Amino acid sequence: MKDSDCVSLLQWALPRLRMRWPGFRKVRCQVCKRIDRRCRALGLETAPDYHAYLETHPEEWATLDGLCRVTISRFYRNRAVFDQLAQGVWPALAEGALDQGETIFRCWSIGCASGEEPYTLSLIWRLALQPRFSALTCHILATEADENLLRRAQAGRYPASSLKDLPPVWRQRAFTPIDDEYVLRDTFRSEVTFTQQDIRVAYPPASSG
């Protein structure tokens, strides 16, 4: 399948799935490969053929929805975003929580995939911020629509490639190497709660986490 054809297909289909194209621009290769395999399974040759198939087979939209779930992730991916959270956003929010007499600092990781993002947030809190905000307990709610990804997240076991962006000292403090994987220690898992949920359907209660 040509990349340009897949892009055109996604730009047409994603709004109908209540998704946005900009979030797929850099990671579309994974999705396009899945769509190409699906087309072959259906005996279709091109992206326009699949477009036409979707128009005449409404039940296929559920399959496409599953194909469009991006699962590329790793700890501390998009370093600039996490650095900004750790150095600016979270300290300001934590100060505000203390000023309001709060004892719980709540965070929501939406579309958490296999857990790298919410666990990164836990590492940031435990290793960088908790000494400054010892009066606060951090609760992280992590939601994901795909139950298979949630099972992987709850297991907390990752290949070395998932940890390559972490500061080495964090890797040593937070993970136990077992065989060819790294297992996140319970201290960093205890404040993360995983829930199966599709935010296009419902939001969690305000008190969750």
Protein backbone atom coordinates (compact mmCIF):
# COMPACT_ATOMS: atom_id res chain seq x y z
CA MET A 1 0.00 0.00 0.00
CA LYS A 2 1.38 3.40 -0.98
CA ASP A 3 2.02 5.76 1.92
CA SER A 4 0.15 8.59 0.19
CA ASP A 5 -2.89 6.36 -0.32
CA CYS A 6 -2.85 5.26 3.31
CA VAL A 7 -2.57 8.87 4.47
CA SER A 8 -5.59 9.84 2.37
CA LEU A 9 -7.54 6.91 3.78
CA LEU A 10 -6.67 7.81 7.37
CA GLN A 11 -7.46 11.49 6.88
CA TRP A 12 -10.90 10.46 5.62
CA ALA A 13 -11.59 7.70 8.16
CA LEU A 14 -10.16 9.01 11.44
CA PRO A 15 -12.75 11.77 12.02
CA ARG A 16 -15.46 9.14 11.63
CA LEU A 17 -13.76 7.15 14.38
CA ARG A 18 -13.55 10.29 16.53
CA MET A 19 -9.77 10.39 16.20
CA ARG A 20 -7.48 13.12 14.91
CA TRP A 21 -4.99 12.80 12.05
CA PRO A 22 -2.20 14.94 13.65
CA GLY A 23 -1.73 12.27 16.32
CA PHE A 24 -1.02 9.68 13.62
CA ARG A 25 1.30 11.66 11.38
CA LYS A 26 4.58 10.40 12.88
CA VAL A 27 3.45 6.87 13.79
CA ARG A 28 1.26 6.01 10.83
CA CYS A 29 3.60 3.29 9.51
CA GLN A 30 2.42 0.87 12.18
CA VAL A 31 -1.23 1.54 11.35
CA CYS A 32 -0.69 1.43 7.59
CA LYS A 33 0.98 -1.98 7.85
CA ARG A 34 -2.01 -3.31 9.76
CA ILE A 35 -4.44 -1.88 7.21
CA ASP A 36 -2.41 -3.39 4.39
CA ARG A 37 -2.59 -6.82 6.04
CA ARG A 38 -6.34 -6.39 6.52
CA CYS A 39 -6.79 -5.49 2.85
CA ARG A 40 -4.90 -8.62 1.81
CA ALA A 41 -7.10 -10.72 4.10
CA LEU A 42 -10.19 -9.25 2.44
CA GLY A 43 -8.80 -9.72 -1.05
CA LEU A 44 -8.53 -5.97 -1.64
CA GLU A 45 -5.58 -4.48 -3.51
CA THR A 46 -5.52 -0.76 -2.68
CA ALA A 47 -6.47 1.80 -0.05
CA PRO A 48 -9.26 3.15 -2.31
CA ASP A 49 -10.63 -0.40 -2.48
CA TYR A 50 -10.74 -0.49 1.32
CA HIS A 51 -12.38 2.94 1.36
CA ALA A 52 -15.14 1.59 -0.85
CA TYR A 53 -15.42 -1.54 1.29
CA LEU A 54 -15.95 0.57 4.41
CA GLU A 55 -18.70 2.49 2.64
CA THR A 56 -20.63 -0.71 1.92
CA HIS A 57 -19.75 -2.78 5.02
CA PRO A 58 -20.48 -0.69 8.14
CA GLU A 59 -19.45 -3.55 10.43
CA GLU A 60 -15.87 -3.13 9.19
CA TRP A 61 -15.50 0.17 11.04
CA ALA A 62 -15.08 -1.69 14.34
CA THR A 63 -12.18 -3.63 12.84
CA LEU A 64 -10.56 -0.46 11.54
CA ASP A 65 -10.96 1.13 14.97
CA GLY A 66 -8.85 -1.66 16.45
CA LEU A 67 -6.24 -1.33 13.71
CA CYS A 68 -5.82 2.38 14.47
CA ARG A 69 -4.73 1.96 18.09
CA VAL A 70 -1.13 3.12 18.19
CA THR A 71 0.97 1.00 20.55
CA ILE A 72 4.42 2.55 20.04
CA SER A 73 5.66 3.68 23.42
CA ARG A 74 8.61 3.62 25.82
CA PHE A 75 9.61 5.17 29.11
CA TYR A 76 10.33 8.89 28.95
CA ARG A 77 9.35 9.02 25.28
CA ASN A 78 8.98 12.65 24.16
CA ARG A 79 11.55 13.76 26.73
CA ALA A 80 10.75 17.47 26.38
CA VAL A 81 7.14 16.86 27.43
CA PHE A 82 8.09 14.89 30.54
CA ASP A 83 10.81 17.42 31.44
CA GLN A 84 8.27 20.21 31.26
CA LEU A 85 5.90 18.25 33.50
CA ALA A 86 8.63 17.55 36.03
CA GLN A 87 10.15 21.01 36.09
CA GLY A 88 7.16 23.30 35.60
CA VAL A 89 3.65 21.90 35.35
CA TRP A 90 3.60 19.38 38.17
CA PRO A 91 5.38 21.52 40.79
CA ALA A 92 2.92 24.35 40.11
CA LEU A 93 -0.06 22.00 40.37
CA ALA A 94 1.33 20.40 43.52
CA GLU A 95 1.79 23.81 45.14
CA GLY A 96 -1.79 24.65 44.23
CA ALA A 97 -3.03 21.40 45.74
CA LEU A 98 -1.22 22.11 48.99
CA ASP A 99 -2.59 25.66 49.09
CA GLN A 100 -6.10 24.19 48.85
CA GLY A 101 -5.46 21.73 51.66
CA GLU A 102 -5.37 18.67 49.43
CA THR A 103 -3.55 15.51 50.46
CA ILE A 104 -3.86 13.63 47.15
CA PHE A 105 -2.31 14.70 43.87
CA ARG A 106 -4.30 13.09 41.04
CA CYS A 107 -3.14 12.46 37.48
CA TRP A 108 -4.86 10.83 34.52
CA SER A 109 -2.95 9.05 31.74
CA ILE A 110 -5.32 8.69 28.78
CA GLY A 111 -4.68 5.93 26.27
CA CYS A 112 -1.89 4.48 28.39
CA ALA A 113 -1.14 1.55 26.01
CA SER A 114 1.21 -0.89 27.75
CA GLY A 115 1.90 1.38 30.70
CA GLU A 116 5.12 3.19 29.88
CA GLU A 117 3.56 6.65 30.19
CA PRO A 118 1.82 6.34 33.57
CA TYR A 119 4.78 4.46 35.01
CA THR A 120 7.07 7.27 33.79
CA LEU A 121 4.84 9.69 35.68
CA SER A 122 5.23 7.52 38.78
CA LEU A 123 9.01 7.59 38.39
CA ILE A 124 9.01 11.37 38.03
CA TRP A 125 6.90 11.77 41.15
CA ARG A 126 8.84 9.31 43.30
CA LEU A 127 12.35 10.18 42.21
CA ALA A 128 12.12 13.88 41.42
CA LEU A 129 9.17 15.51 43.18
CA GLN A 130 8.07 13.57 46.24
CA PRO A 131 10.90 14.91 48.46
CA ARG A 132 9.56 18.43 47.82
CA PHE A 133 5.91 17.51 48.31
CA SER A 134 5.98 14.87 51.04
CA ALA A 135 2.55 15.96 52.30
CA LEU A 136 0.97 14.79 49.04
CA THR A 137 0.21 11.26 47.89
CA CYS A 138 0.21 10.78 44.11
CA HIS A 139 -2.61 8.75 42.54
CA ILE A 140 -2.29 8.04 38.81
CA LEU A 141 -5.30 6.74 36.88
CA ALA A 142 -4.32 5.05 33.60
CA THR A 143 -7.07 4.24 31.09
CA GLU A 144 -6.86 2.22 27.88
CA ALA A 145 -9.50 0.71 25.59
CA ASP A 146 -7.47 -2.35 24.57
CA GLU A 147 -7.60 -5.08 27.23
CA ASN A 148 -4.53 -6.83 25.78
CA LEU A 149 -2.43 -3.71 26.27
CA LEU A 150 -3.79 -3.33 29.79
CA ARG A 151 -2.66 -6.83 30.69
CA ARG A 152 0.85 -5.98 29.53
CA ALA A 153 0.77 -2.75 31.53
CA GLN A 154 -0.34 -4.49 34.71
CA ALA A 155 2.45 -7.06 34.32
CA GLY A 156 5.04 -4.26 34.40
CA ARG A 157 7.64 -6.21 32.39
CA TYR A 158 9.54 -4.49 29.57
CA PRO A 159 12.40 -5.12 27.13
CA ALA A 160 15.55 -3.03 27.43
CA SER A 161 14.53 -1.02 24.36
CA SER A 162 11.55 0.40 26.29
CA LEU A 163 13.89 1.87 28.90
CA LYS A 164 16.53 3.37 26.62
CA ASP A 165 15.45 6.99 27.24
CA LEU A 166 15.43 6.72 31.04
CA PRO A 167 18.29 8.20 33.09
CA PRO A 168 20.53 5.22 34.00
CA VAL A 169 20.18 5.86 37.73
CA TRP A 170 16.38 5.69 37.43
CA ARG A 171 16.63 2.37 35.63
CA GLN A 172 18.78 0.99 38.43
CA ARG A 173 16.51 2.24 41.20
CA ALA A 174 13.17 1.31 39.66
CA PHE A 175 13.68 -1.97 37.79
CA THR A 176 14.80 -5.50 38.51
CA PRO A 177 16.39 -7.31 35.54
CA ILE A 178 14.89 -10.78 35.07
CA ASP A 179 16.00 -12.87 32.10
CA ASP A 180 15.81 -10.55 29.09
CA GLU A 181 13.31 -8.13 30.64
CA TYR A 182 13.13 -5.40 33.23
CA VAL A 183 10.42 -5.65 35.89
CA LEU A 184 9.19 -2.46 37.53
CA ARG A 185 9.41 -2.61 41.31
CA ASP A 186 6.22 -2.52 43.36
CA THR A 187 7.08 0.87 44.89
CA PHE A 188 6.59 2.51 41.50
CA ARG A 189 3.55 0.45 40.54
CA SER A 190 1.47 0.94 43.67
CA GLU A 191 0.25 4.45 42.86
CA VAL A 192 -0.94 3.56 39.33
CA THR A 193 -4.48 2.23 38.83
CA PHE A 194 -5.32 0.74 35.42
CA THR A 195 -8.88 0.80 34.07
CA GLN A 196 -10.30 -0.32 30.72
CA GLN A 197 -12.09 2.67 29.23
CA ASP A 198 -12.59 4.40 25.89
CA ILE A 199 -12.75 8.16 26.40
CA ARG A 200 -14.84 8.51 23.25
CA VAL A 201 -17.60 6.76 25.20
CA ALA A 202 -17.19 7.92 28.81
CA TYR A 203 -14.87 9.73 31.22
CA PRO A 204 -13.90 8.33 34.61
CA PRO A 205 -15.48 9.87 37.72
CA ALA A 206 -13.68 12.97 38.98
CA SER A 207 -12.64 11.15 42.14
CA SER A 208 -11.03 8.19 40.34
CA GLY A 209 -7.39 7.37 40.77
